[in-house]
């Protein structure tokens, strides 16, 4: 998937939004005619909602791992 900044005036495609779109989402190998155009407010809200569903795992603590090896 690619995200592009729009340079043309296009309506946001969220059903209740009345803003102009700022970003265009295009599927890999897809055509720009089959894209999703969203305004900045909708992109930010979508980002927050996705963040609630998909949370990155924290990295392994390298410092604690080394101290455990020394104690053995």
N, C-alpha and C. Protein backbone atom coordinates (compact mmCIF):
# COMPACT_ATOMS: atom_id res chain seq x y z
N UNK A 1 0.85 -1.18 0.00
CA UNK A 1 0.00 0.00 0.00
C UNK A 1 0.89 1.23 0.00
N UNK A 2 0.47 2.21 -0.74
CA UNK A 2 1.19 3.48 -0.81
C UNK A 2 0.28 4.60 -0.32
N UNK A 3 0.89 5.58 0.33
CA UNK A 3 0.17 6.77 0.77
C UNK A 3 0.80 7.96 0.07
N UNK A 4 -0.04 8.74 -0.61
CA UNK A 4 0.44 9.90 -1.35
C UNK A 4 -0.26 11.15 -0.85
N UNK A 5 0.44 12.25 -0.86
CA UNK A 5 -0.15 13.54 -0.53
C UNK A 5 -0.83 14.06 -1.80
N UNK A 6 -2.09 14.45 -1.68
CA UNK A 6 -2.85 14.91 -2.84
C UNK A 6 -2.55 16.37 -3.15
N UNK A 7 -2.46 16.68 -4.43
CA UNK A 7 -2.25 18.04 -4.86
C UNK A 7 -3.49 18.65 -5.50
N UNK A 8 -4.49 17.82 -5.71
CA UNK A 8 -5.73 18.29 -6.34
C UNK A 8 -6.85 18.33 -5.30
N UNK A 9 -7.85 19.14 -5.58
CA UNK A 9 -8.97 19.28 -4.66
C UNK A 9 -9.94 18.11 -4.86
N UNK A 10 -10.05 17.27 -3.81
CA UNK A 10 -10.90 16.08 -3.86
C UNK A 10 -11.64 15.97 -2.54
N UNK A 11 -12.85 15.46 -2.57
CA UNK A 11 -13.65 15.31 -1.36
C UNK A 11 -13.18 14.09 -0.56
N UNK A 12 -13.18 14.22 0.76
CA UNK A 12 -12.86 13.10 1.65
C UNK A 12 -13.96 12.04 1.49
N UNK A 13 -13.55 10.77 1.49
CA UNK A 13 -14.51 9.70 1.21
C UNK A 13 -15.11 9.05 2.45
N UNK A 14 -14.87 9.61 3.63
CA UNK A 14 -15.56 9.12 4.82
C UNK A 14 -17.01 9.59 4.72
N UNK A 15 -17.97 8.72 5.02
CA UNK A 15 -19.38 9.05 4.79
C UNK A 15 -19.88 10.35 5.43
N UNK A 16 -19.45 10.69 6.62
CA UNK A 16 -19.98 11.87 7.29
C UNK A 16 -19.08 13.09 7.21
N UNK A 17 -17.94 12.98 6.54
CA UNK A 17 -16.96 14.07 6.49
C UNK A 17 -17.24 15.00 5.32
N UNK A 18 -17.10 16.29 5.56
CA UNK A 18 -17.33 17.29 4.52
C UNK A 18 -16.04 17.99 4.08
N UNK A 19 -14.88 17.54 4.58
CA UNK A 19 -13.60 18.18 4.28
C UNK A 19 -13.06 17.75 2.92
N UNK A 20 -12.02 18.46 2.48
CA UNK A 20 -11.30 18.06 1.27
C UNK A 20 -10.22 17.06 1.64
N UNK A 21 -10.00 16.09 0.79
CA UNK A 21 -9.00 15.05 1.04
C UNK A 21 -7.60 15.61 0.90
N UNK A 22 -6.70 15.10 1.75
CA UNK A 22 -5.30 15.49 1.71
C UNK A 22 -4.40 14.32 1.34
N UNK A 23 -4.88 13.10 1.56
CA UNK A 23 -4.07 11.90 1.34
C UNK A 23 -4.82 10.90 0.47
N UNK A 24 -4.04 10.17 -0.31
CA UNK A 24 -4.60 9.13 -1.18
C UNK A 24 -3.92 7.81 -0.84
N UNK A 25 -4.70 6.79 -0.56
CA UNK A 25 -4.20 5.44 -0.26
C UNK A 25 -4.45 4.57 -1.49
N UNK A 26 -3.37 4.00 -2.02
CA UNK A 26 -3.45 3.18 -3.22
C UNK A 26 -2.90 1.80 -2.89
N UNK A 27 -3.63 0.75 -3.25
CA UNK A 27 -3.19 -0.62 -3.02
C UNK A 27 -1.98 -0.92 -3.89
N UNK A 28 -1.13 -1.84 -3.42
CA UNK A 28 0.07 -2.23 -4.15
C UNK A 28 -0.32 -2.75 -5.54
N UNK A 29 0.26 -2.16 -6.57
CA UNK A 29 -0.06 -2.57 -7.93
C UNK A 29 -1.42 -2.09 -8.40
N UNK A 30 -2.08 -1.29 -7.58
CA UNK A 30 -3.41 -0.81 -7.92
C UNK A 30 -3.37 0.46 -8.75
N UNK A 31 -4.51 0.85 -9.20
CA UNK A 31 -4.69 2.03 -10.02
C UNK A 31 -5.14 3.18 -9.13
N UNK A 32 -4.71 4.38 -9.43
CA UNK A 32 -5.10 5.54 -8.61
C UNK A 32 -6.60 5.82 -8.70
N UNK A 33 -7.27 5.27 -9.71
CA UNK A 33 -8.73 5.42 -9.80
C UNK A 33 -9.44 4.60 -8.73
N UNK A 34 -8.78 3.53 -8.26
CA UNK A 34 -9.35 2.68 -7.21
C UNK A 34 -8.62 2.94 -5.91
N UNK A 35 -8.67 4.16 -5.45
CA UNK A 35 -7.94 4.55 -4.25
C UNK A 35 -8.91 5.09 -3.19
N UNK A 36 -8.38 5.30 -2.01
CA UNK A 36 -9.16 5.87 -0.91
C UNK A 36 -8.60 7.24 -0.60
N UNK A 37 -9.41 8.26 -0.68
CA UNK A 37 -8.99 9.64 -0.43
C UNK A 37 -9.56 10.10 0.90
N UNK A 38 -8.66 10.53 1.81
CA UNK A 38 -9.06 10.95 3.15
C UNK A 38 -8.46 12.29 3.50
N UNK A 39 -9.19 13.05 4.33
CA UNK A 39 -8.68 14.33 4.83
C UNK A 39 -7.72 14.06 6.00
N UNK A 40 -7.02 15.08 6.41
CA UNK A 40 -6.04 14.94 7.49
C UNK A 40 -6.70 14.54 8.81
N UNK A 41 -7.86 15.09 9.11
CA UNK A 41 -8.56 14.75 10.35
C UNK A 41 -8.96 13.27 10.39
N UNK A 42 -9.46 12.76 9.27
CA UNK A 42 -9.86 11.34 9.22
C UNK A 42 -8.66 10.42 9.29
N UNK A 43 -7.53 10.81 8.68
CA UNK A 43 -6.31 10.00 8.76
C UNK A 43 -5.83 9.93 10.20
N UNK A 44 -5.86 11.05 10.91
CA UNK A 44 -5.43 11.06 12.32
C UNK A 44 -6.34 10.19 13.18
N UNK A 45 -7.64 10.27 12.96
CA UNK A 45 -8.58 9.46 13.73
C UNK A 45 -8.40 7.97 13.41
N UNK A 46 -8.20 7.65 12.15
CA UNK A 46 -7.95 6.27 11.74
C UNK A 46 -6.67 5.74 12.38
N UNK A 47 -5.64 6.56 12.44
CA UNK A 47 -4.37 6.20 13.07
C UNK A 47 -4.56 5.88 14.56
N UNK A 48 -5.36 6.70 15.25
CA UNK A 48 -5.63 6.45 16.67
C UNK A 48 -6.40 5.16 16.87
N UNK A 49 -7.39 4.91 16.04
CA UNK A 49 -8.20 3.70 16.18
C UNK A 49 -7.40 2.44 15.85
N UNK A 50 -6.54 2.50 14.84
CA UNK A 50 -5.68 1.35 14.51
C UNK A 50 -4.70 1.10 15.64
N UNK A 51 -4.20 2.16 16.27
CA UNK A 51 -3.28 2.03 17.39
C UNK A 51 -3.90 1.31 18.58
N UNK A 52 -5.20 1.40 18.73
CA UNK A 52 -5.87 0.68 19.81
C UNK A 52 -5.95 -0.82 19.52
N UNK A 53 -6.00 -1.18 18.25
CA UNK A 53 -6.10 -2.58 17.86
C UNK A 53 -4.73 -3.26 17.73
N UNK A 54 -3.79 -2.55 17.17
CA UNK A 54 -2.47 -3.11 16.90
C UNK A 54 -1.45 -2.33 17.71
N UNK A 55 -0.89 -2.97 18.73
CA UNK A 55 0.09 -2.33 19.59
C UNK A 55 1.44 -3.02 19.38
N UNK A 56 2.49 -2.26 19.09
CA UNK A 56 3.80 -2.90 18.90
C UNK A 56 4.33 -3.49 20.21
N UNK A 57 5.04 -4.59 20.10
CA UNK A 57 5.64 -5.22 21.27
C UNK A 57 6.89 -4.45 21.65
N UNK A 58 7.16 -4.37 22.93
CA UNK A 58 8.36 -3.69 23.38
C UNK A 58 9.57 -4.57 23.09
N UNK A 59 10.72 -3.96 22.85
CA UNK A 59 11.92 -4.76 22.56
C UNK A 59 12.40 -5.50 23.80
N UNK A 60 13.14 -6.58 23.57
CA UNK A 60 13.69 -7.34 24.69
C UNK A 60 14.71 -6.47 25.41
N UNK A 61 14.74 -6.57 26.71
CA UNK A 61 15.66 -5.78 27.51
C UNK A 61 17.03 -6.46 27.51
N UNK A 62 17.96 -5.88 26.82
CA UNK A 62 19.29 -6.45 26.67
C UNK A 62 20.06 -6.37 27.99
N UNK A 63 19.86 -5.32 28.76
CA UNK A 63 20.59 -5.14 30.02
C UNK A 63 20.24 -6.22 31.03
N UNK A 64 18.97 -6.56 31.17
CA UNK A 64 18.57 -7.60 32.12
C UNK A 64 19.07 -8.97 31.67
N UNK A 65 19.12 -9.20 30.37
CA UNK A 65 19.58 -10.49 29.87
C UNK A 65 21.05 -10.71 30.22
N UNK A 66 21.87 -9.68 30.11
CA UNK A 66 23.30 -9.79 30.43
C UNK A 66 23.51 -10.02 31.92
N UNK A 67 22.72 -9.35 32.76
CA UNK A 67 22.89 -9.49 34.20
C UNK A 67 22.47 -10.88 34.66
N UNK A 68 21.48 -11.50 33.98
CA UNK A 68 21.06 -12.85 34.33
C UNK A 68 22.16 -13.85 34.00
N UNK A 69 22.87 -13.64 32.87
CA UNK A 69 23.94 -14.54 32.48
C UNK A 69 25.11 -14.48 33.46
N UNK A 70 25.38 -13.31 34.02
CA UNK A 70 26.48 -13.15 34.97
C UNK A 70 26.19 -13.88 36.28
N UNK A 71 24.95 -13.92 36.68
CA UNK A 71 24.58 -14.54 37.95
C UNK A 71 24.69 -16.07 37.89
N UNK A 72 24.63 -16.63 36.74
CA UNK A 72 24.63 -18.10 36.59
C UNK A 72 25.98 -18.67 36.78
